């Protein structure tokens, strides 16, 4: 099997479980990303378009949850 000769590879984000964010069920992909040095925990260094889109969605959901928790609750005793 020929070796991958690409000079520039996409850098993938990792989940908390150590899996590739854009392919979280494939353990082989996670292992390959780790051994080939294309996996990173640094969110700013991610170049994979799928991982970047998923990171954006996660950040958006997190900020919406924070905003929801900061809003005063309506109702209660008056």
N, C-alpha and C. Protein backbone atom coordinates (compact mmCIF):
# COMPACT_ATOMS: atom_id res chain seq x y z
N UNK A 1 0.85 -1.17 0.00
CA UNK A 1 0.00 0.00 0.00
C UNK A 1 0.90 1.24 0.00
N UNK A 2 0.68 2.18 -0.92
CA UNK A 2 1.53 3.37 -0.98
C UNK A 2 1.30 4.30 0.21
N UNK A 3 2.37 4.92 0.64
CA UNK A 3 2.28 5.88 1.75
C UNK A 3 1.63 7.16 1.26
N UNK A 4 0.98 7.86 2.15
CA UNK A 4 0.36 9.14 1.83
C UNK A 4 1.47 10.17 1.68
N UNK A 5 1.55 10.80 0.54
CA UNK A 5 2.65 11.73 0.27
C UNK A 5 2.22 13.20 0.28
N UNK A 6 1.02 13.46 0.77
CA UNK A 6 0.58 14.85 0.82
C UNK A 6 1.44 15.63 1.80
N UNK A 7 1.80 16.84 1.40
CA UNK A 7 2.67 17.66 2.26
C UNK A 7 1.86 18.37 3.34
N UNK A 8 0.65 18.77 3.01
CA UNK A 8 -0.16 19.49 3.99
C UNK A 8 -1.45 18.72 4.24
N UNK A 9 -1.70 18.38 5.49
CA UNK A 9 -2.88 17.60 5.86
C UNK A 9 -3.77 18.45 6.75
N UNK A 10 -5.07 18.16 6.71
CA UNK A 10 -6.01 18.83 7.62
C UNK A 10 -5.73 18.39 9.04
N UNK A 11 -5.86 19.34 9.97
CA UNK A 11 -5.72 19.03 11.39
C UNK A 11 -7.12 18.88 11.95
N UNK A 12 -7.34 17.79 12.68
CA UNK A 12 -8.66 17.45 13.20
C UNK A 12 -8.76 17.73 14.70
N UNK A 13 -9.96 18.09 15.12
CA UNK A 13 -10.23 18.30 16.54
C UNK A 13 -10.54 16.95 17.18
N UNK A 14 -10.25 16.84 18.46
CA UNK A 14 -10.52 15.62 19.20
C UNK A 14 -11.65 15.86 20.20
N UNK A 15 -12.46 14.83 20.43
CA UNK A 15 -13.49 14.91 21.46
C UNK A 15 -12.85 14.65 22.81
N UNK A 16 -13.64 14.75 23.85
CA UNK A 16 -13.13 14.47 25.20
C UNK A 16 -12.70 13.01 25.34
N UNK A 17 -13.29 12.13 24.51
CA UNK A 17 -12.95 10.71 24.54
C UNK A 17 -11.72 10.38 23.70
N UNK A 18 -11.15 11.37 23.02
CA UNK A 18 -9.99 11.14 22.18
C UNK A 18 -10.31 10.70 20.77
N UNK A 19 -11.57 10.87 20.37
CA UNK A 19 -11.99 10.50 19.02
C UNK A 19 -11.98 11.73 18.13
N UNK A 20 -11.85 11.52 16.83
CA UNK A 20 -11.87 12.63 15.87
C UNK A 20 -13.29 13.19 15.84
N UNK A 21 -13.43 14.49 15.94
CA UNK A 21 -14.74 15.13 16.05
C UNK A 21 -15.63 14.88 14.83
N UNK A 22 -15.06 14.91 13.64
CA UNK A 22 -15.88 14.75 12.44
C UNK A 22 -16.19 13.28 12.13
N UNK A 23 -15.61 12.36 12.88
CA UNK A 23 -15.86 10.93 12.67
C UNK A 23 -15.74 10.22 14.02
N UNK A 24 -16.64 10.49 14.95
CA UNK A 24 -16.45 10.04 16.34
C UNK A 24 -16.59 8.54 16.57
N UNK A 25 -17.15 7.79 15.64
CA UNK A 25 -17.33 6.36 15.87
C UNK A 25 -16.20 5.51 15.31
N UNK A 26 -15.28 6.12 14.56
CA UNK A 26 -14.21 5.36 13.91
C UNK A 26 -12.95 5.41 14.76
N UNK A 27 -12.69 4.35 15.50
CA UNK A 27 -11.52 4.30 16.37
C UNK A 27 -10.23 4.28 15.55
N UNK A 28 -10.28 3.65 14.38
CA UNK A 28 -9.09 3.60 13.54
C UNK A 28 -8.71 5.00 13.06
N UNK A 29 -9.70 5.82 12.72
CA UNK A 29 -9.42 7.19 12.29
C UNK A 29 -8.78 7.99 13.42
N UNK A 30 -9.24 7.78 14.64
CA UNK A 30 -8.67 8.48 15.78
C UNK A 30 -7.22 8.05 15.98
N UNK A 31 -6.97 6.76 15.90
CA UNK A 31 -5.61 6.26 16.07
C UNK A 31 -4.70 6.80 14.95
N UNK A 32 -5.19 6.77 13.72
CA UNK A 32 -4.40 7.25 12.59
C UNK A 32 -4.10 8.74 12.73
N UNK A 33 -5.08 9.51 13.17
CA UNK A 33 -4.87 10.95 13.36
C UNK A 33 -3.83 11.22 14.44
N UNK A 34 -3.87 10.43 15.50
CA UNK A 34 -2.89 10.60 16.58
C UNK A 34 -1.48 10.24 16.11
N UNK A 35 -1.34 9.10 15.43
CA UNK A 35 -0.01 8.65 15.05
C UNK A 35 0.59 9.49 13.92
N UNK A 36 -0.25 10.01 13.04
CA UNK A 36 0.25 10.83 11.93
C UNK A 36 0.41 12.29 12.32
N UNK A 37 0.02 12.64 13.54
CA UNK A 37 0.20 14.00 14.03
C UNK A 37 -0.77 15.01 13.42
N UNK A 38 -1.95 14.56 13.02
CA UNK A 38 -2.92 15.48 12.43
C UNK A 38 -4.10 15.73 13.37
N UNK A 39 -4.00 15.30 14.61
CA UNK A 39 -5.02 15.56 15.61
C UNK A 39 -4.49 16.61 16.58
N UNK A 40 -5.38 17.48 17.05
CA UNK A 40 -4.96 18.53 17.96
C UNK A 40 -6.06 18.84 18.96
N UNK A 41 -5.65 19.29 20.13
CA UNK A 41 -6.60 19.78 21.14
C UNK A 41 -6.77 21.29 21.03
N UNK A 42 -5.92 21.94 20.26
CA UNK A 42 -5.96 23.39 20.09
C UNK A 42 -7.05 23.74 19.07
N UNK A 43 -8.12 24.37 19.53
CA UNK A 43 -9.25 24.68 18.66
C UNK A 43 -8.86 25.64 17.53
N UNK A 44 -7.91 26.51 17.76
CA UNK A 44 -7.50 27.48 16.75
C UNK A 44 -6.68 26.83 15.64
N UNK A 45 -6.10 25.68 15.89
CA UNK A 45 -5.24 25.01 14.91
C UNK A 45 -5.99 24.05 14.00
N UNK A 46 -7.29 23.85 14.24
CA UNK A 46 -8.08 22.91 13.45
C UNK A 46 -8.29 23.47 12.05
N UNK A 47 -8.02 22.65 11.01
CA UNK A 47 -8.21 23.07 9.62
C UNK A 47 -9.23 22.22 8.88
N UNK A 48 -9.66 21.11 9.44
CA UNK A 48 -10.66 20.25 8.80
C UNK A 48 -11.99 21.00 8.74
N UNK A 49 -12.57 21.18 7.55
CA UNK A 49 -13.82 21.93 7.45
C UNK A 49 -14.96 21.32 8.27
N UNK A 50 -15.05 20.00 8.30
CA UNK A 50 -16.12 19.35 9.07
C UNK A 50 -15.93 19.57 10.56
N UNK A 51 -14.71 19.44 11.04
CA UNK A 51 -14.43 19.66 12.46
C UNK A 51 -14.70 21.11 12.85
N UNK A 52 -14.29 22.05 11.99
CA UNK A 52 -14.52 23.47 12.28
C UNK A 52 -16.01 23.77 12.38
N UNK A 53 -16.81 23.20 11.47
CA UNK A 53 -18.26 23.42 11.50
C UNK A 53 -18.86 22.85 12.78
N UNK A 54 -18.42 21.67 13.18
CA UNK A 54 -18.92 21.06 14.41
C UNK A 54 -18.49 21.85 15.64
N UNK A 55 -17.27 22.36 15.65
CA UNK A 55 -16.82 23.20 16.77
C UNK A 55 -17.67 24.46 16.87
N UNK A 56 -17.99 25.05 15.71
CA UNK A 56 -18.84 26.25 15.70
C UNK A 56 -20.21 25.93 16.28
N UNK A 57 -20.79 24.80 15.88
CA UNK A 57 -22.10 24.41 16.41
C UNK A 57 -22.05 24.17 17.91
N UNK A 58 -20.99 23.53 18.38
CA UNK A 58 -20.84 23.29 19.82
C UNK A 58 -20.71 24.59 20.59
N UNK A 59 -19.92 25.54 20.06
CA UNK A 59 -19.75 26.83 20.72
C UNK A 59 -21.07 27.60 20.75
N UNK A 60 -21.80 27.55 19.65
CA UNK A 60 -23.08 28.25 19.57
C UNK A 60 -24.08 27.68 20.58
N UNK A 61 -24.14 26.36 20.67
CA UNK A 61 -25.04 25.72 21.63
C UNK A 61 -24.63 26.05 23.06
N UNK A 62 -23.33 26.09 23.33
CA UNK A 62 -22.85 26.40 24.67
C UNK A 62 -23.22 27.83 25.08
N UNK A 63 -23.06 28.79 24.17
CA UNK A 63 -23.39 30.18 24.51
C UNK A 63 -24.90 30.35 24.68
N UNK A 64 -25.70 29.63 23.88
CA UNK A 64 -27.15 29.70 24.06
C UNK A 64 -27.55 29.14 25.42
N UNK A 65 -26.92 28.05 25.84
CA UNK A 65 -27.21 27.47 27.16
C UNK A 65 -26.83 28.43 28.27
N UNK A 66 -25.69 29.10 28.12
CA UNK A 66 -25.26 30.07 29.13
C UNK A 66 -26.21 31.25 29.20
N UNK A 67 -26.66 31.73 28.05
CA UNK A 67 -27.60 32.84 28.04
C UNK A 67 -28.93 32.45 28.67
N UNK A 68 -29.37 31.22 28.40
CA UNK A 68 -30.62 30.74 28.97
C UNK A 68 -30.52 30.63 30.49
N UNK A 69 -29.38 30.22 30.99
CA UNK A 69 -29.23 30.05 32.43
C UNK A 69 -29.08 31.40 33.14
N UNK A 70 -28.67 32.44 32.43
CA UNK A 70 -28.51 33.77 33.03
C UNK A 70 -29.81 34.55 33.09
N UNK A 71 -30.80 34.19 32.26
CA UNK A 71 -32.06 34.93 32.23
C UNK A 71 -32.85 34.66 33.50
N UNK A 72 -33.49 35.71 34.04
CA UNK A 72 -34.30 35.50 35.25
C UNK A 72 -35.53 34.65 34.90
N UNK A 73 -35.92 33.84 35.84
CA UNK A 73 -37.09 32.98 35.63
C UNK A 73 -38.36 33.77 35.86
N UNK A 74 -39.32 33.49 35.01
CA UNK A 74 -40.60 34.18 35.13
C UNK A 74 -41.53 33.35 36.01
N UNK A 75 -42.51 34.01 36.54
CA UNK A 75 -43.47 33.30 37.40
C UNK A 75 -43.01 33.37 38.83
N UNK A 76 -43.38 32.37 39.58
CA UNK A 76 -42.99 32.33 40.98
C UNK A 76 -43.97 33.08 41.86
N UNK A 77 -43.56 33.43 43.06
CA UNK A 77 -44.45 34.09 44.01
C UNK A 77 -44.47 35.59 43.78
N UNK A 78 -45.68 36.13 43.82
CA UNK A 78 -45.84 37.60 43.67
C UNK A 78 -46.70 38.15 44.75
